[in-house]
Amino acid sequence: MEKTFSEWKKRCLNKCDISKKGNVDEDIEHLVSLLNSFEEYFTTSSCSGRITVIDTAPESCVVQKKNLVWLFVSHSKCKVDDVMSALDSSCGTAVLKFEPFVLHLQCRTLEDAHLMLSAAVQSGFRNSGLTLSKTGKIIMAVRCTHSLEVPLGNQGKLLVSHEYVDFLIGIANQKMEENLRRIERFYQSIQTMMKNKQQKLLNKEKRMKKKKESVVSEQRQKLRCQTDDCQSNGGSNGIGLDEDLQLAHCFNSVLESISAPGTFAGVDGGNGA
C-alpha cells in the first residue's frame, strides 16, 4: 500500500493541470506546496474561492459546461462596475455566486486523514469530510457552507437595482475576506500539527533507544557476572584468556536480537512489548 500511494502521488503531481485556469490559485499556492511536501499527502484539486456571475444560456448562445456561460470570474474581491459590465452580456438567467475555498487531499492512512480533518474543522471548514474508495484511496475534502447565490436577471433583463447589486458585492467581498482568513488559519494549523507529530516521533525514537541501551547494559552485566563465577570455580585460565572475545560475541548477539523485526529482547531473553 505504501508503494501504491507513492505511485499515485507521483502520477498525480506530474500530470498536466486540466482545470479551466490551468494553475493553482495564487492565494493558496503556499498551502498546496506545504501539503505536497509531506510524504503522507498530496492535493488532487483546489480552488481558493471565487466570485462569479453565470448565465443559463438559450440554445442560440455559446454554451459551456453544464449549459452555463461564465460571464465573470474573480478569485479576489471585486467591484460592482465589473459585475454590471458582465451582466450586459446576459441572455438567460444571470446568477451572482460566491463559492468558498475547497480542496481535495489524498491521504496515506486513515490516521493521517483524521489529523488533517481535525485541522480543517478547527480552522472553520466544518463541512469537511472523508471518502474511502473501493481501490483504497482515502480522500479528505476541505470545504464549508460559507457561500452566496442570488439570481439577478432573467432572459437577459436585470431584475434588481444597481444599488442592490452593490449591496450584494459588499457581502461577497466580506465573505472572501473571511474565506482568506480561514485559509491562513488552516495553513498555520497544519504547520503546528506536523511539527507536533514529528516531535512525538523523535521522542518515541529516543525512548526506544534508551530502552535498548538499558537492556544491552543489563545483559552485559549479566555476562560479566557469569564469567566471574566461572573464574572463581577454577576456570580462570581457560576463560580469562578469551573473556573479551566472549563478551563481544554475546554483546553482538544481544544487539542482533533487539534489532530483529517484530521482536524485543528482554533482560531474561524473552519477547517484550
C-alpha atoms as a PDB file:
ATOM      1  CA  MET A   1       0.000   0.000   0.000  1.00  0.00           C
ATOM      2  CA  GLU A   2       2.912   2.320   0.772  1.00  0.00           C
ATOM      3  CA  LYS A   3       4.341   1.764  -2.709  1.00  0.00           C
ATOM      4  CA  THR A   4       0.939   2.235  -4.334  1.00  0.00           C
ATOM      5  CA  PHE A   5       0.387   5.563  -2.543  1.00  0.00           C
ATOM      6  CA  SER A   6       3.800   6.825  -3.696  1.00  0.00           C
ATOM      7  CA  GLU A   7       2.946   5.881  -7.285  1.00  0.00           C
ATOM      8  CA  TRP A   8      -0.425   7.663  -7.062  1.00  0.00           C
ATOM      9  CA  LYS A   9       1.250  10.785  -5.708  1.00  0.00           C
ATOM     10  CA  LYS A  10       3.966  10.828  -8.353  1.00  0.00           C
ATOM     11  CA  ARG A  11       1.466  10.307 -11.173  1.00  0.00           C
ATOM     12  CA  CYS A  12      -0.928  12.988  -9.881  1.00  0.00           C
ATOM     13  CA  LEU A  13       1.701  15.682  -9.304  1.00  0.00           C
ATOM     14  CA  ASN A  14       3.377  15.078 -12.668  1.00  0.00           C
ATOM     15  CA  LYS A  15       0.255  15.272 -14.825  1.00  0.00           C
ATOM     16  CA  CYS A  16      -0.895  18.443 -16.557  1.00  0.00           C
ATOM     17  CA  ASP A  17      -3.368  20.772 -14.842  1.00  0.00           C
ATOM     18  CA  ILE A  18      -6.606  20.322 -16.795  1.00  0.00           C
ATOM     19  CA  SER A  19      -8.576  22.953 -14.879  1.00  0.00           C
ATOM     20  CA  LYS A  20     -10.006  25.938 -16.757  1.00  0.00           C
ATOM     21  CA  LYS A  21      -7.454  28.276 -15.171  1.00  0.00           C
ATOM     22  CA  GLY A  22      -4.549  25.867 -15.693  1.00  0.00           C
ATOM     23  CA  ASN A  23      -2.669  26.534 -12.447  1.00  0.00           C
ATOM     24  CA  VAL A  24      -3.063  26.740  -8.657  1.00  0.00           C
ATOM     25  CA  ASP A  25      -4.724  29.930  -7.390  1.00  0.00           C
ATOM     26  CA  GLU A  26      -2.213  32.454  -6.055  1.00  0.00           C
ATOM     27  CA  ASP A  27      -3.787  32.744  -2.593  1.00  0.00           C
ATOM     28  CA  ILE A  28      -3.315  29.017  -1.872  1.00  0.00           C
ATOM     29  CA  GLU A  29      -0.006  28.305  -3.615  1.00  0.00           C
ATOM     30  CA  HIS A  30       1.800  28.239  -0.245  1.00  0.00           C
ATOM     31  CA  LEU A  31      -0.811  25.890   1.238  1.00  0.00           C
ATOM     32  CA  VAL A  32      -0.772  23.453  -1.693  1.00  0.00           C
ATOM     33  CA  SER A  33       3.033  23.453  -1.715  1.00  0.00           C
ATOM     34  CA  LEU A  34       3.135  22.718   2.024  1.00  0.00           C
ATOM     35  CA  LEU A  35       0.694  19.808   1.762  1.00  0.00           C
ATOM     36  CA  ASN A  36       2.524  18.242  -1.177  1.00  0.00           C
ATOM     37  CA  SER A  37       5.842  18.468   0.707  1.00  0.00           C
ATOM     38  CA  PHE A  38       4.633  15.850   3.216  1.00  0.00           C
ATOM     39  CA  GLU A  39       5.024  12.150   2.413  1.00  0.00           C
ATOM     40  CA  GLU A  40       1.555  11.413   3.790  1.00  0.00           C
ATOM     41  CA  TYR A  41      -0.451  13.737   1.498  1.00  0.00           C
ATOM     42  CA  PHE A  42      -0.940  15.176  -1.963  1.00  0.00           C
ATOM     43  CA  THR A  43      -3.580  17.508  -3.414  1.00  0.00           C
ATOM     44  CA  THR A  44      -5.843  16.393  -6.255  1.00  0.00           C
ATOM     45  CA  SER A  45      -7.862  19.594  -6.819  1.00  0.00           C
ATOM     46  CA  SER A  46      -8.330  23.006  -5.245  1.00  0.00           C
ATOM     47  CA  CYS A  47      -9.900  26.456  -5.540  1.00  0.00           C
ATOM     48  CA  SER A  48      -9.069  29.409  -3.296  1.00  0.00           C
ATOM     49  CA  GLY A  49     -12.628  30.744  -3.526  1.00  0.00           C
ATOM     50  CA  ARG A  50     -14.303  32.861  -6.206  1.00  0.00           C
ATOM     51  CA  ILE A  51     -16.996  35.398  -7.039  1.00  0.00           C
ATOM     52  CA  THR A  52     -18.763  34.594 -10.300  1.00  0.00           C
ATOM     53  CA  VAL A  53     -21.652  35.641 -12.487  1.00  0.00           C
ATOM     54  CA  ILE A  54     -23.056  32.736 -14.502  1.00  0.00           C
ATOM     55  CA  ASP A  55     -25.752  32.648 -17.110  1.00  0.00           C
ATOM     56  CA  THR A  56     -28.080  29.821 -18.148  1.00  0.00           C
ATOM     57  CA  ALA A  57     -27.917  30.253 -21.884  1.00  0.00           C
ATOM     58  CA  PRO A  58     -30.630  29.603 -24.501  1.00  0.00           C
ATOM     59  CA  GLU A  59     -29.744  27.429 -27.499  1.00  0.00           C
ATOM     60  CA  SER A  60     -28.775  30.458 -29.586  1.00  0.00           C
ATOM     61  CA  CYS A  61     -25.880  31.369 -27.267  1.00  0.00           C
ATOM     62  CA  VAL A  62     -22.477  29.740 -26.910  1.00  0.00           C
ATOM     63  CA  VAL A  63     -22.915  27.027 -24.289  1.00  0.00           C
ATOM     64  CA  GLN A  64     -20.199  25.930 -21.865  1.00  0.00           C
ATOM     65  CA  LYS A  65     -20.012  23.303 -19.126  1.00  0.00           C
ATOM     66  CA  LYS A  66     -23.402  22.130 -17.822  1.00  0.00           C
ATOM     67  CA  ASN A  67     -25.247  24.534 -20.108  1.00  0.00           C
ATOM     68  CA  LEU A  68     -23.753  27.562 -18.324  1.00  0.00           C
ATOM     69  CA  VAL A  69     -21.913  30.631 -19.568  1.00  0.00           C
ATOM     70  CA  TRP A  70     -19.360  32.207 -17.225  1.00  0.00           C
ATOM     71  CA  LEU A  71     -19.853  35.956 -17.556  1.00  0.00           C
ATOM     72  CA  PHE A  72     -17.489  36.937 -14.741  1.00  0.00           C
ATOM     73  CA  VAL A  73     -14.929  35.133 -12.534  1.00  0.00           C
ATOM     74  CA  SER A  74     -12.721  36.618  -9.802  1.00  0.00           C
ATOM     75  CA  HIS A  75     -10.599  34.818  -7.190  1.00  0.00           C
ATOM     76  CA  SER A  76     -10.304  38.014  -5.155  1.00  0.00           C
ATOM     77  CA  LYS A  77     -12.575  40.895  -4.104  1.00  0.00           C
ATOM     78  CA  CYS A  78     -14.289  42.637  -6.989  1.00  0.00           C
ATOM     79  CA  LYS A  79     -16.043  45.919  -7.884  1.00  0.00           C
ATOM     80  CA  VAL A  80     -19.682  46.455  -8.683  1.00  0.00           C
ATOM     81  CA  ASP A  81     -18.843  48.006 -12.064  1.00  0.00           C
ATOM     82  CA  ASP A  82     -17.111  44.780 -13.146  1.00  0.00           C
ATOM     83  CA  VAL A  83     -20.218  42.782 -12.316  1.00  0.00           C
ATOM     84  CA  MET A  84     -22.580  45.230 -14.008  1.00  0.00           C
ATOM     85  CA  SER A  85     -20.485  45.099 -17.177  1.00  0.00           C
ATOM     86  CA  ALA A  86     -20.683  41.304 -17.125  1.00  0.00           C
ATOM     87  CA  LEU A  87     -24.475  41.415 -16.733  1.00  0.00           C
ATOM     88  CA  ASP A  88     -24.725  43.324 -20.001  1.00  0.00           C
ATOM     89  CA  SER A  89     -23.769  40.094 -21.779  1.00  0.00           C
ATOM     90  CA  SER A  90     -26.514  38.030 -20.152  1.00  0.00           C
ATOM     91  CA  CYS A  91     -29.093  36.414 -22.407  1.00  0.00           C
ATOM     92  CA  GLY A  92     -30.520  33.891 -19.932  1.00  0.00           C
ATOM     93  CA  THR A  93     -30.873  33.701 -16.143  1.00  0.00           C
ATOM     94  CA  ALA A  94     -27.945  35.540 -14.522  1.00  0.00           C
ATOM     95  CA  VAL A  95     -26.833  34.451 -11.046  1.00  0.00           C
ATOM     96  CA  LEU A  96     -24.248  36.017  -8.721  1.00  0.00           C
ATOM     97  CA  LYS A  97     -22.325  33.435  -6.659  1.00  0.00           C
ATOM     98  CA  PHE A  98     -19.633  33.367  -4.024  1.00  0.00           C
ATOM     99  CA  GLU A  99     -18.009  29.938  -3.623  1.00  0.00           C
ATOM    100  CA  PRO A 100     -15.565  29.436  -0.716  1.00  0.00           C
ATOM    101  CA  PHE A 101     -12.246  27.612  -0.619  1.00  0.00           C
ATOM    102  CA  VAL A 102     -12.365  23.913  -1.478  1.00  0.00           C
ATOM    103  CA  LEU A 103      -9.539  21.377  -1.583  1.00  0.00           C
ATOM    104  CA  HIS A 104      -9.319  17.621  -2.104  1.00  0.00           C
ATOM    105  CA  LEU A 105      -6.430  15.856  -0.449  1.00  0.00           C
ATOM    106  CA  GLN A 106      -5.420  12.211  -0.824  1.00  0.00           C
ATOM    107  CA  CYS A 107      -4.054  10.751   2.409  1.00  0.00           C
ATOM    108  CA  ARG A 108      -1.785   7.762   3.004  1.00  0.00           C
ATOM    109  CA  THR A 109      -3.684   6.321   6.008  1.00  0.00           C
ATOM    110  CA  LEU A 110      -6.899   6.965   7.901  1.00  0.00           C
ATOM    111  CA  GLU A 111      -4.843   8.259  10.813  1.00  0.00           C
ATOM    112  CA  ASP A 112      -3.215  10.833   8.520  1.00  0.00           C
ATOM    113  CA  ALA A 113      -6.646  11.801   7.159  1.00  0.00           C
ATOM    114  CA  HIS A 114      -8.126  12.276  10.644  1.00  0.00           C
ATOM    115  CA  LEU A 115      -5.253  14.584  11.622  1.00  0.00           C
ATOM    116  CA  MET A 116      -5.846  16.786   8.593  1.00  0.00           C
ATOM    117  CA  LEU A 117      -9.627  16.694   9.084  1.00  0.00           C
ATOM    118  CA  SER A 118      -9.185  17.932  12.645  1.00  0.00           C
ATOM    119  CA  ALA A 119      -7.030  20.843  11.416  1.00  0.00           C
ATOM    120  CA  ALA A 120      -9.628  21.767   8.770  1.00  0.00           C
ATOM    121  CA  VAL A 121     -12.611  21.710  11.150  1.00  0.00           C
ATOM    122  CA  GLN A 122     -10.758  23.760  13.778  1.00  0.00           C
ATOM    123  CA  SER A 123      -9.934  26.357  11.095  1.00  0.00           C
ATOM    124  CA  GLY A 124     -13.598  26.922  10.215  1.00  0.00           C
ATOM    125  CA  PHE A 125     -14.112  24.385   7.400  1.00  0.00           C
ATOM    126  CA  ARG A 126     -16.753  22.454   9.304  1.00  0.00           C
ATOM    127  CA  ASN A 127     -18.308  20.782   6.278  1.00  0.00           C
ATOM    128  CA  SER A 128     -15.115  18.803   5.595  1.00  0.00           C
ATOM    129  CA  GLY A 129     -15.189  15.012   5.397  1.00  0.00           C
ATOM    130  CA  LEU A 130     -13.556  11.758   4.284  1.00  0.00           C
ATOM    131  CA  THR A 131     -14.241   9.396   1.390  1.00  0.00           C
ATOM    132  CA  LEU A 132     -12.831   5.866   1.044  1.00  0.00           C
ATOM    133  CA  SER A 133     -12.859   4.396  -2.474  1.00  0.00           C
ATOM    134  CA  LYS A 134     -13.008   0.723  -3.470  1.00  0.00           C
ATOM    135  CA  THR A 135      -9.374   0.925  -4.609  1.00  0.00           C
ATOM    136  CA  GLY A 136      -8.233   2.071  -1.158  1.00  0.00           C
ATOM    137  CA  LYS A 137      -7.870   5.768  -1.914  1.00  0.00           C
ATOM    138  CA  ILE A 138      -8.542   7.971   1.120  1.00  0.00           C
ATOM    139  CA  ILE A 139      -9.724  11.431   0.045  1.00  0.00           C
ATOM    140  CA  MET A 140     -10.237  14.282   2.507  1.00  0.00           C
ATOM    141  CA  ALA A 141     -12.382  17.171   1.243  1.00  0.00           C
ATOM    142  CA  VAL A 142     -11.877  20.589   2.868  1.00  0.00           C
ATOM    143  CA  ARG A 143     -14.994  22.743   2.495  1.00  0.00           C
ATOM    144  CA  CYS A 144     -17.566  24.893   4.282  1.00  0.00           C
ATOM    145  CA  THR A 145     -21.031  26.366   3.710  1.00  0.00           C
ATOM    146  CA  HIS A 146     -19.814  29.987   3.701  1.00  0.00           C
ATOM    147  CA  SER A 147     -21.379  30.637   0.283  1.00  0.00           C
ATOM    148  CA  LEU A 148     -23.747  33.017  -1.529  1.00  0.00           C
ATOM    149  CA  GLU A 149     -26.033  32.542  -4.547  1.00  0.00           C
ATOM    150  CA  VAL A 150     -28.517  35.193  -5.750  1.00  0.00           C
ATOM    151  CA  PRO A 151     -30.407  35.463  -9.104  1.00  0.00           C
ATOM    152  CA  LEU A 152     -30.040  38.895 -10.690  1.00  0.00           C
ATOM    153  CA  GLY A 153     -31.756  38.706 -14.059  1.00  0.00           C
ATOM    154  CA  ASN A 154     -33.885  36.628 -16.423  1.00  0.00           C
ATOM    155  CA  GLN A 155     -33.901  36.383 -20.235  1.00  0.00           C
ATOM    156  CA  GLY A 156     -31.128  38.958 -20.372  1.00  0.00           C
ATOM    157  CA  LYS A 157     -33.071  41.521 -18.317  1.00  0.00           C
ATOM    158  CA  LEU A 158     -31.744  42.819 -14.980  1.00  0.00           C
ATOM    159  CA  LEU A 159     -34.422  42.333 -12.271  1.00  0.00           C
ATOM    160  CA  VAL A 160     -32.715  44.244  -9.460  1.00  0.00           C
ATOM    161  CA  SER A 161     -31.320  47.748  -8.985  1.00  0.00           C
ATOM    162  CA  HIS A 162     -27.692  48.827  -9.278  1.00  0.00           C
ATOM    163  CA  GLU A 163     -27.851  49.659  -5.575  1.00  0.00           C
ATOM    164  CA  TYR A 164     -28.874  46.107  -4.696  1.00  0.00           C
ATOM    165  CA  VAL A 165     -26.082  44.620  -6.819  1.00  0.00           C
ATOM    166  CA  ASP A 166     -23.643  46.925  -5.000  1.00  0.00           C
ATOM    167  CA  PHE A 167     -25.008  45.647  -1.675  1.00  0.00           C
ATOM    168  CA  LEU A 168     -24.508  42.002  -2.765  1.00  0.00           C
ATOM    169  CA  ILE A 169     -20.958  42.656  -3.937  1.00  0.00           C
ATOM    170  CA  GLY A 170     -20.190  44.106  -0.488  1.00  0.00           C
ATOM    171  CA  ILE A 171     -21.423  40.882   1.131  1.00  0.00           C
ATOM    172  CA  ALA A 172     -19.470  38.730  -1.340  1.00  0.00           C
ATOM    173  CA  ASN A 173     -16.272  40.692  -0.660  1.00  0.00           C
ATOM    174  CA  GLN A 174     -16.732  40.278   3.097  1.00  0.00           C
ATOM    175  CA  LYS A 175     -17.132  36.538   2.598  1.00  0.00           C
ATOM    176  CA  MET A 176     -13.967  36.482   0.501  1.00  0.00           C
ATOM    177  CA  GLU A 177     -12.022  38.201   3.300  1.00  0.00           C
ATOM    178  CA  GLU A 178     -13.280  35.685   5.863  1.00  0.00           C
ATOM    179  CA  ASN A 179     -12.501  32.887   3.427  1.00  0.00           C
ATOM    180  CA  LEU A 180      -8.852  34.005   3.179  1.00  0.00           C
ATOM    181  CA  ARG A 181      -8.584  34.247   6.973  1.00  0.00           C
ATOM    182  CA  ARG A 182      -9.776  30.649   7.296  1.00  0.00           C
ATOM    183  CA  ILE A 183      -7.252  29.519   4.693  1.00  0.00           C
ATOM    184  CA  GLU A 184      -4.446  31.152   6.682  1.00  0.00           C
ATOM    185  CA  ARG A 185      -5.686  29.538   9.923  1.00  0.00           C
ATOM    186  CA  PHE A 186      -5.702  26.189   8.154  1.00  0.00           C
ATOM    187  CA  TYR A 187      -2.143  26.744   6.932  1.00  0.00           C
ATOM    188  CA  GLN A 188      -0.891  27.642  10.431  1.00  0.00           C
ATOM    189  CA  SER A 189      -2.768  24.719  11.967  1.00  0.00           C
ATOM    190  CA  ILE A 190      -1.130  22.271   9.538  1.00  0.00           C
ATOM    191  CA  GLN A 191       2.332  23.576  10.363  1.00  0.00           C
ATOM    192  CA  THR A 192       1.724  23.201  14.109  1.00  0.00           C
ATOM    193  CA  MET A 193       0.141  19.766  13.706  1.00  0.00           C
ATOM    194  CA  MET A 194       3.004  18.352  11.624  1.00  0.00           C
ATOM    195  CA  LYS A 195       5.670  19.807  13.963  1.00  0.00           C
ATOM    196  CA  ASN A 196       3.941  18.148  16.940  1.00  0.00           C
ATOM    197  CA  LYS A 197       3.725  14.866  15.045  1.00  0.00           C
ATOM    198  CA  GLN A 198       7.426  14.997  14.173  1.00  0.00           C
ATOM    199  CA  GLN A 199       8.357  15.787  17.777  1.00  0.00           C
ATOM    200  CA  LYS A 200       6.320  12.826  19.042  1.00  0.00           C
ATOM    201  CA  LEU A 201       8.147  10.507  16.626  1.00  0.00           C
ATOM    202  CA  LEU A 202      11.524  11.839  17.770  1.00  0.00           C
ATOM    203  CA  ASN A 203      10.578  11.385  21.434  1.00  0.00           C
ATOM    204  CA  LYS A 204       9.442   7.827  20.714  1.00  0.00           C
ATOM    205  CA  GLU A 205      12.733   7.026  18.973  1.00  0.00           C
ATOM    206  CA  LYS A 206      14.690   8.441  21.927  1.00  0.00           C
ATOM    207  CA  ARG A 207      12.688   6.308  24.381  1.00  0.00           C
ATOM    208  CA  MET A 208      13.256   3.160  22.311  1.00  0.00           C
ATOM    209  CA  LYS A 209      16.982   3.890  22.015  1.00  0.00           C
ATOM    210  CA  LYS A 210      17.273   4.456  25.759  1.00  0.00           C
ATOM    211  CA  LYS A 211      15.366   1.248  26.436  1.00  0.00           C
ATOM    212  CA  LYS A 212      17.649  -0.747  24.120  1.00  0.00           C
ATOM    213  CA  GLU A 213      20.756   0.709  25.751  1.00  0.00           C
ATOM    214  CA  SER A 214      19.404  -0.227  29.176  1.00  0.00           C
ATOM    215  CA  VAL A 215      18.740  -3.826  28.101  1.00  0.00           C
ATOM    216  CA  VAL A 216      22.190  -4.154  26.497  1.00  0.00           C
ATOM    217  CA  SER A 217      23.817  -2.819  29.677  1.00  0.00           C
ATOM    218  CA  GLU A 218      21.932  -5.314  31.841  1.00  0.00           C
ATOM    219  CA  GLN A 219      22.799  -8.194  29.506  1.00  0.00           C
ATOM    220  CA  ARG A 220      26.451  -7.218  29.520  1.00  0.00           C
ATOM    221  CA  GLN A 221      26.482  -7.023  33.311  1.00  0.00           C
ATOM    222  CA  LYS A 222      24.870 -10.462  33.478  1.00  0.00           C
ATOM    223  CA  LEU A 223      27.536 -11.915  31.164  1.00  0.00           C
ATOM    224  CA  ARG A 224      30.290 -10.425  33.286  1.00  0.00           C
ATOM    225  CA  CYS A 225      28.786 -11.977  36.405  1.00  0.00           C
ATOM    226  CA  GLN A 226      28.638 -15.376  34.711  1.00  0.00           C
ATOM    227  CA  THR A 227      32.292 -15.018  33.653  1.00  0.00           C
ATOM    228  CA  ASP A 228      33.334 -14.076  37.178  1.00  0.00           C
ATOM    229  CA  ASP A 229      31.552 -17.174  38.522  1.00  0.00           C
ATOM    230  CA  CYS A 230      33.450 -19.384  36.093  1.00  0.00           C
ATOM    231  CA  GLN A 231      36.755 -17.832  37.086  1.00  0.00           C
ATOM    232  CA  SER A 232      36.048 -18.358  40.782  1.00  0.00           C
ATOM    233  CA  ASN A 233      35.328 -22.045  40.083  1.00  0.00           C
ATOM    234  CA  GLY A 234      38.828 -22.664  38.774  1.00  0.00           C
ATOM    235  CA  GLY A 235      38.247 -21.947  35.092  1.00  0.00           C
ATOM    236  CA  SER A 236      40.079 -18.654  35.066  1.00  0.00           C
ATOM    237  CA  ASN A 237      42.957 -19.794  32.841  1.00  0.00           C
ATOM    238  CA  GLY A 238      40.747 -21.031  30.013  1.00  0.00           C
ATOM    239  CA  ILE A 239      38.016 -18.443  30.172  1.00  0.00           C
ATOM    240  CA  GLY A 240      40.094 -15.462  31.242  1.00  0.00           C
ATOM    241  CA  LEU A 241      42.128 -15.525  28.065  1.00  0.00           C
ATOM    242  CA  ASP A 242      39.043 -15.256  25.850  1.00  0.00           C
ATOM    243  CA  GLU A 243      36.903 -13.115  28.137  1.00  0.00           C
ATOM    244  CA  ASP A 244      36.879 -10.048  25.881  1.00  0.00           C
ATOM    245  CA  LEU A 245      36.044 -12.141  22.815  1.00  0.00           C
ATOM    246  CA  GLN A 246      33.223 -13.898  24.653  1.00  0.00           C
ATOM    247  CA  LEU A 247      31.763 -10.596  25.855  1.00  0.00           C
ATOM    248  CA  ALA A 248      31.982  -9.081  22.368  1.00  0.00           C
ATOM    249  CA  HIS A 249      30.274 -12.134  20.877  1.00  0.00           C
ATOM    250  CA  CYS A 250      27.461 -12.068  23.440  1.00  0.00           C
ATOM    251  CA  PHE A 251      27.098  -8.299  23.081  1.00  0.00           C
ATOM    252  CA  ASN A 252      26.643  -8.595  19.310  1.00  0.00           C
ATOM    253  CA  SER A 253      24.093 -11.371  19.821  1.00  0.00           C
ATOM    254  CA  VAL A 254      22.052  -9.101  22.081  1.00  0.00           C
ATOM    255  CA  LEU A 255      22.146  -6.263  19.523  1.00  0.00           C
ATOM    256  CA  GLU A 256      21.027  -8.598  16.729  1.00  0.00           C
ATOM    257  CA  SER A 257      18.171  -9.861  18.905  1.00  0.00           C
ATOM    258  CA  ILE A 258      16.997  -6.322  19.632  1.00  0.00           C
ATOM    259  CA  SER A 259      17.249  -5.221  16.002  1.00  0.00           C
ATOM    260  CA  ALA A 260      15.294  -8.201  14.666  1.00  0.00           C
ATOM    261  CA  PRO A 261      11.920  -7.094  13.134  1.00  0.00           C
ATOM    262  CA  GLY A 262       8.909  -7.603  15.403  1.00  0.00           C
ATOM    263  CA  THR A 263      10.977  -8.671  18.467  1.00  0.00           C
ATOM    264  CA  PHE A 264      12.481  -7.040  21.514  1.00  0.00           C
ATOM    265  CA  ALA A 265      14.891  -8.882  23.770  1.00  0.00           C
ATOM    266  CA  GLY A 266      14.102  -8.587  27.473  1.00  0.00           C
ATOM    267  CA  VAL A 267      16.545  -8.985  30.325  1.00  0.00           C
ATOM    268  CA  ASP A 268      15.857 -12.724  30.541  1.00  0.00           C
ATOM    269  CA  GLY A 269      15.908 -13.287  26.769  1.00  0.00           C
ATOM    270  CA  GLY A 270      12.073 -13.284  26.309  1.00  0.00           C
ATOM    271  CA  ASN A 271       9.878 -11.158  23.997  1.00  0.00           C
ATOM    272  CA  GLY A 272       8.509  -7.925  25.435  1.00  0.00           C
ATOM    273  CA  ALA A 273       6.334  -5.002  24.394  1.00  0.00           C
END
